[in-house]
């Protein structure tokens, strides 16, 4: 089991956890953008963006890559992600922000 809480938060974290897969799958690919990891000469992994805005339809995963990314994400969520979302939900009453509330005035018409 990976210690996701204490693992260095870097490009490898996003790749190994499946978070990068989910960012690409759920948002970026539809926009014609892909976030990828490249290895520098010194071995360090860095995040880069690929611009396919002129042909967003080319941003698709092969079946194998999709399955591997999905498995990584499910494992990460089981080991760490769900408990983090639960903590946030307990503190805020929701885990995913789908609207902006200035100063907790959700129904203020000012």
N, C-alpha and C. Protein backbone atom coordinates (compact mmCIF):
# COMPACT_ATOMS: atom_id res chain seq x y z
N UNK A 1 0.85 -1.18 0.00
CA UNK A 1 0.00 0.00 0.00
C UNK A 1 0.90 1.25 0.00
N UNK A 2 0.59 2.19 -0.85
CA UNK A 2 1.37 3.43 -0.97
C UNK A 2 0.95 4.41 0.12
N UNK A 3 1.92 5.12 0.67
CA UNK A 3 1.64 6.16 1.67
C UNK A 3 1.39 7.48 0.93
N UNK A 4 0.17 7.62 0.41
CA UNK A 4 -0.17 8.78 -0.42
C UNK A 4 -0.10 10.09 0.34
N UNK A 5 -0.34 10.07 1.65
CA UNK A 5 -0.32 11.30 2.44
C UNK A 5 1.08 11.89 2.51
N UNK A 6 2.09 11.04 2.55
CA UNK A 6 3.46 11.52 2.75
C UNK A 6 4.33 11.41 1.50
N UNK A 7 3.80 10.84 0.45
CA UNK A 7 4.55 10.74 -0.81
C UNK A 7 4.72 12.14 -1.39
N UNK A 8 5.91 12.39 -1.95
CA UNK A 8 6.18 13.70 -2.55
C UNK A 8 5.12 14.03 -3.60
N UNK A 9 4.60 15.24 -3.52
CA UNK A 9 3.55 15.68 -4.44
C UNK A 9 4.22 16.29 -5.67
N UNK A 10 4.32 15.48 -6.72
CA UNK A 10 5.01 15.89 -7.94
C UNK A 10 4.36 15.21 -9.14
N UNK A 11 5.00 15.29 -10.29
CA UNK A 11 4.45 14.70 -11.51
C UNK A 11 4.28 13.19 -11.36
N UNK A 12 5.21 12.53 -10.69
CA UNK A 12 5.11 11.08 -10.49
C UNK A 12 3.87 10.74 -9.66
N UNK A 13 3.56 11.57 -8.68
CA UNK A 13 2.37 11.36 -7.84
C UNK A 13 1.11 11.35 -8.71
N UNK A 14 0.99 12.35 -9.58
CA UNK A 14 -0.18 12.43 -10.45
C UNK A 14 -0.26 11.23 -11.39
N UNK A 15 0.88 10.79 -11.88
CA UNK A 15 0.93 9.66 -12.81
C UNK A 15 0.61 8.34 -12.10
N UNK A 16 1.26 8.09 -10.97
CA UNK A 16 1.11 6.82 -10.25
C UNK A 16 -0.25 6.67 -9.60
N UNK A 17 -0.87 7.78 -9.21
CA UNK A 17 -2.16 7.73 -8.54
C UNK A 17 -3.34 7.59 -9.50
N UNK A 18 -3.11 7.88 -10.77
CA UNK A 18 -4.20 7.88 -11.73
C UNK A 18 -4.91 9.23 -11.82
N UNK A 19 -4.47 10.19 -11.02
CA UNK A 19 -5.08 11.52 -11.05
C UNK A 19 -4.86 12.17 -12.42
N UNK A 20 -3.67 12.01 -12.97
CA UNK A 20 -3.39 12.58 -14.30
C UNK A 20 -4.32 11.97 -15.34
N UNK A 21 -4.52 10.67 -15.27
CA UNK A 21 -5.47 10.00 -16.16
C UNK A 21 -6.86 10.65 -16.05
N UNK A 22 -7.32 10.86 -14.83
CA UNK A 22 -8.67 11.39 -14.62
C UNK A 22 -8.78 12.85 -15.07
N UNK A 23 -7.75 13.65 -14.84
CA UNK A 23 -7.75 15.04 -15.31
C UNK A 23 -7.89 15.06 -16.83
N UNK A 24 -7.10 14.23 -17.49
CA UNK A 24 -7.17 14.16 -18.96
C UNK A 24 -8.52 13.62 -19.42
N UNK A 25 -8.97 12.53 -18.82
CA UNK A 25 -10.21 11.88 -19.25
C UNK A 25 -11.42 12.78 -19.05
N UNK A 26 -11.50 13.43 -17.91
CA UNK A 26 -12.73 14.15 -17.58
C UNK A 26 -12.79 15.59 -18.08
N UNK A 27 -11.65 16.21 -18.35
CA UNK A 27 -11.67 17.63 -18.73
C UNK A 27 -10.82 17.92 -19.97
N UNK A 28 -9.53 17.68 -19.86
CA UNK A 28 -8.59 18.20 -20.86
C UNK A 28 -8.77 17.61 -22.25
N UNK A 29 -8.95 16.31 -22.35
CA UNK A 29 -9.07 15.71 -23.69
C UNK A 29 -10.23 16.31 -24.48
N UNK A 30 -11.35 16.58 -23.82
CA UNK A 30 -12.49 17.16 -24.53
C UNK A 30 -12.17 18.54 -25.09
N UNK A 31 -11.24 19.23 -24.46
CA UNK A 31 -10.86 20.58 -24.90
C UNK A 31 -9.75 20.57 -25.93
N UNK A 32 -9.22 19.40 -26.24
CA UNK A 32 -8.11 19.31 -27.18
C UNK A 32 -6.77 19.53 -26.52
N UNK A 33 -6.70 19.28 -25.23
CA UNK A 33 -5.48 19.46 -24.46
C UNK A 33 -5.16 18.14 -23.78
N UNK A 34 -3.89 17.81 -23.68
CA UNK A 34 -3.47 16.62 -22.95
C UNK A 34 -2.33 17.01 -22.03
N UNK A 35 -2.42 16.64 -20.77
CA UNK A 35 -1.33 16.83 -19.83
C UNK A 35 -0.53 15.53 -19.83
N UNK A 36 0.76 15.65 -20.10
CA UNK A 36 1.62 14.48 -20.19
C UNK A 36 2.83 14.63 -19.27
N UNK A 37 3.45 13.52 -18.97
CA UNK A 37 4.67 13.52 -18.16
C UNK A 37 5.84 13.23 -19.08
N UNK A 38 6.86 14.05 -18.99
CA UNK A 38 8.09 13.85 -19.75
C UNK A 38 9.24 13.68 -18.77
N UNK A 39 10.23 12.89 -19.18
CA UNK A 39 11.41 12.69 -18.34
C UNK A 39 12.53 13.58 -18.86
N UNK A 40 13.06 14.43 -17.98
CA UNK A 40 14.18 15.29 -18.35
C UNK A 40 15.46 14.46 -18.38
N UNK A 41 16.53 15.04 -18.92
CA UNK A 41 17.81 14.33 -19.01
C UNK A 41 18.31 13.86 -17.66
N UNK A 42 18.00 14.63 -16.61
CA UNK A 42 18.46 14.27 -15.27
C UNK A 42 17.55 13.23 -14.61
N UNK A 43 16.52 12.76 -15.34
CA UNK A 43 15.63 11.74 -14.83
C UNK A 43 14.40 12.27 -14.14
N UNK A 44 14.36 13.57 -13.90
CA UNK A 44 13.19 14.16 -13.22
C UNK A 44 11.99 14.17 -14.17
N UNK A 45 10.83 13.85 -13.61
CA UNK A 45 9.59 13.88 -14.39
C UNK A 45 8.97 15.26 -14.30
N UNK A 46 8.52 15.78 -15.43
CA UNK A 46 7.87 17.09 -15.45
C UNK A 46 6.54 16.99 -16.20
N UNK A 47 5.62 17.86 -15.85
CA UNK A 47 4.32 17.93 -16.52
C UNK A 47 4.40 18.88 -17.70
N UNK A 48 3.82 18.49 -18.81
CA UNK A 48 3.77 19.33 -20.01
C UNK A 48 2.36 19.24 -20.59
N UNK A 49 2.00 20.25 -21.35
CA UNK A 49 0.71 20.26 -22.03
C UNK A 49 0.92 20.08 -23.52
N UNK A 50 0.11 19.21 -24.12
CA UNK A 50 0.11 19.03 -25.57
C UNK A 50 -1.12 19.73 -26.11
N UNK A 51 -0.91 20.53 -27.13
CA UNK A 51 -1.99 21.32 -27.71
C UNK A 51 -2.55 20.65 -28.95
N UNK A 52 -3.74 20.11 -28.80
CA UNK A 52 -4.46 19.52 -29.93
C UNK A 52 -5.82 20.20 -30.09
N UNK A 53 -5.87 21.48 -29.74
CA UNK A 53 -7.15 22.19 -29.79
C UNK A 53 -7.74 22.23 -31.19
N UNK A 54 -6.88 22.13 -32.21
CA UNK A 54 -7.39 22.13 -33.58
C UNK A 54 -8.00 20.78 -33.97
N UNK A 55 -7.70 19.72 -33.20
CA UNK A 55 -8.24 18.38 -33.46
C UNK A 55 -8.49 17.67 -32.13
N UNK A 56 -9.46 18.12 -31.34
CA UNK A 56 -9.68 17.51 -30.03
C UNK A 56 -10.05 16.03 -30.12
N UNK A 57 -10.53 15.58 -31.27
CA UNK A 57 -10.93 14.18 -31.40
C UNK A 57 -9.76 13.20 -31.37
N UNK A 58 -8.51 13.70 -31.49
CA UNK A 58 -7.37 12.78 -31.46
C UNK A 58 -6.94 12.43 -30.03
N UNK A 59 -7.47 13.14 -29.05
CA UNK A 59 -7.13 12.86 -27.66
C UNK A 59 -8.00 11.72 -27.13
N UNK A 60 -7.55 10.51 -27.34
CA UNK A 60 -8.27 9.34 -26.83
C UNK A 60 -7.24 8.37 -26.25
N UNK A 61 -7.70 7.56 -25.29
CA UNK A 61 -6.85 6.53 -24.71
C UNK A 61 -7.04 5.23 -25.48
N UNK A 62 -5.98 4.45 -25.63
CA UNK A 62 -6.15 3.09 -26.12
C UNK A 62 -6.83 2.30 -25.00
N UNK A 63 -7.39 1.16 -25.33
CA UNK A 63 -8.06 0.33 -24.33
C UNK A 63 -7.10 -0.01 -23.18
N UNK A 64 -5.87 -0.38 -23.50
CA UNK A 64 -4.88 -0.77 -22.50
C UNK A 64 -4.53 0.40 -21.57
N UNK A 65 -4.28 1.57 -22.14
CA UNK A 65 -3.93 2.74 -21.34
C UNK A 65 -5.11 3.16 -20.47
N UNK A 66 -6.32 3.09 -21.04
CA UNK A 66 -7.52 3.43 -20.27
C UNK A 66 -7.66 2.50 -19.06
N UNK A 67 -7.53 1.22 -19.29
CA UNK A 67 -7.68 0.25 -18.20
C UNK A 67 -6.63 0.45 -17.12
N UNK A 68 -5.37 0.68 -17.50
CA UNK A 68 -4.30 0.91 -16.53
C UNK A 68 -4.55 2.17 -15.72
N UNK A 69 -4.95 3.24 -16.39
CA UNK A 69 -5.23 4.50 -15.69
C UNK A 69 -6.39 4.35 -14.73
N UNK A 70 -7.43 3.66 -15.16
CA UNK A 70 -8.61 3.46 -14.33
C UNK A 70 -8.28 2.62 -13.10
N UNK A 71 -7.46 1.59 -13.27
CA UNK A 71 -7.05 0.75 -12.15
C UNK A 71 -6.23 1.56 -11.14
N UNK A 72 -5.30 2.37 -11.64
CA UNK A 72 -4.49 3.22 -10.75
C UNK A 72 -5.39 4.15 -9.95
N UNK A 73 -6.34 4.79 -10.61
CA UNK A 73 -7.22 5.74 -9.94
C UNK A 73 -8.08 5.04 -8.90
N UNK A 74 -8.65 3.89 -9.23
CA UNK A 74 -9.48 3.15 -8.27
C UNK A 74 -8.68 2.74 -7.04
N UNK A 75 -7.45 2.29 -7.25
CA UNK A 75 -6.56 1.90 -6.14
C UNK A 75 -6.27 3.12 -5.27
N UNK A 76 -5.92 4.23 -5.89
CA UNK A 76 -5.63 5.46 -5.15
C UNK A 76 -6.85 5.91 -4.34
N UNK A 77 -8.00 5.91 -4.97
CA UNK A 77 -9.21 6.35 -4.27
C UNK A 77 -9.53 5.43 -3.10
N UNK A 78 -9.33 4.14 -3.26
CA UNK A 78 -9.58 3.19 -2.18
C UNK A 78 -8.60 3.41 -1.02
N UNK A 79 -7.32 3.59 -1.35
CA UNK A 79 -6.28 3.72 -0.32
C UNK A 79 -6.24 5.09 0.34
N UNK A 80 -6.67 6.14 -0.37
CA UNK A 80 -6.47 7.49 0.15
C UNK A 80 -7.57 8.48 -0.23
N UNK A 81 -7.98 8.48 -1.47
CA UNK A 81 -8.87 9.52 -1.98
C UNK A 81 -10.21 9.61 -1.29
N UNK A 82 -10.85 8.46 -1.07
CA UNK A 82 -12.18 8.48 -0.45
C UNK A 82 -12.14 9.04 0.96
N UNK A 83 -11.10 8.70 1.73
CA UNK A 83 -11.01 9.23 3.09
C UNK A 83 -10.78 10.75 3.07
N UNK A 84 -10.03 11.24 2.10
CA UNK A 84 -9.82 12.68 1.97
C UNK A 84 -11.13 13.38 1.63
N UNK A 85 -11.89 12.78 0.72
CA UNK A 85 -13.17 13.37 0.34
C UNK A 85 -14.15 13.34 1.51
N UNK A 86 -14.08 12.28 2.31
CA UNK A 86 -14.94 12.19 3.49
C UNK A 86 -14.59 13.29 4.50
N UNK A 87 -13.29 13.53 4.71
CA UNK A 87 -12.86 14.61 5.62
C UNK A 87 -13.39 15.95 5.14
N UNK A 88 -13.26 16.20 3.86
CA UNK A 88 -13.72 17.47 3.28
C UNK A 88 -15.23 17.59 3.41
N UNK A 89 -15.93 16.52 3.12
CA UNK A 89 -17.38 16.53 3.21
C UNK A 89 -17.84 16.76 4.65
N UNK A 90 -17.16 16.12 5.61
CA UNK A 90 -17.50 16.32 7.02
C UNK A 90 -17.30 17.78 7.44
N UNK A 91 -16.26 18.41 6.92
CA UNK A 91 -15.95 19.79 7.29
C UNK A 91 -16.82 20.81 6.57
N UNK A 92 -17.15 20.54 5.31
CA UNK A 92 -17.84 21.54 4.48
C UNK A 92 -19.30 21.20 4.19
N UNK A 93 -19.64 19.93 4.32
CA UNK A 93 -20.98 19.50 3.95
C UNK A 93 -21.05 19.04 2.50
N UNK A 94 -19.94 19.11 1.77
CA UNK A 94 -19.84 18.66 0.38
C UNK A 94 -18.37 18.39 0.08
N UNK A 95 -18.11 17.53 -0.90
CA UNK A 95 -16.71 17.23 -1.23
C UNK A 95 -16.28 17.89 -2.53
N UNK A 96 -17.20 18.05 -3.46
CA UNK A 96 -16.86 18.62 -4.76
C UNK A 96 -17.56 19.96 -4.92
N UNK A 97 -16.79 21.00 -5.14
CA UNK A 97 -17.37 22.33 -5.28
C UNK A 97 -17.96 22.50 -6.67
N UNK A 98 -19.27 22.67 -6.73
CA UNK A 98 -19.92 22.85 -8.01
C UNK A 98 -20.49 24.25 -8.17
N UNK A 99 -20.28 25.10 -7.18
CA UNK A 99 -20.75 26.47 -7.23
C UNK A 99 -19.90 27.31 -6.29
N UNK A 100 -19.93 28.61 -6.47
CA UNK A 100 -19.18 29.52 -5.62
C UNK A 100 -20.14 30.25 -4.69
N UNK A 101 -19.80 30.27 -3.42
CA UNK A 101 -20.63 30.94 -2.43
C UNK A 101 -19.77 32.01 -1.75
N UNK A 102 -19.97 33.27 -2.09
CA UNK A 102 -19.18 34.32 -1.42
C UNK A 102 -19.61 34.45 0.03
N UNK A 103 -18.66 34.33 0.92
CA UNK A 103 -18.90 34.50 2.36
C UNK A 103 -20.07 33.66 2.86
N UNK A 104 -20.22 32.46 2.35
CA UNK A 104 -21.27 31.53 2.78
C UNK A 104 -22.68 32.11 2.64
N UNK A 105 -22.91 32.96 1.69
CA UNK A 105 -24.23 33.56 1.44
C UNK A 105 -24.81 32.95 0.19
N UNK A 106 -25.17 31.69 0.27
CA UNK A 106 -25.61 30.95 -0.91
C UNK A 106 -26.83 31.57 -1.58
N UNK A 107 -27.81 32.05 -0.82
CA UNK A 107 -29.05 32.54 -1.42
C UNK A 107 -29.19 34.05 -1.33
N UNK A 108 -28.10 34.74 -1.15
CA UNK A 108 -28.11 36.19 -1.09
C UNK A 108 -28.29 36.75 -2.50
N UNK A 109 -29.29 37.57 -2.72
CA UNK A 109 -29.57 38.12 -4.05
C UNK A 109 -28.95 39.50 -4.25
N UNK A 110 -28.06 39.91 -3.40
CA UNK A 110 -27.45 41.25 -3.52
C UNK A 110 -26.53 41.32 -4.71
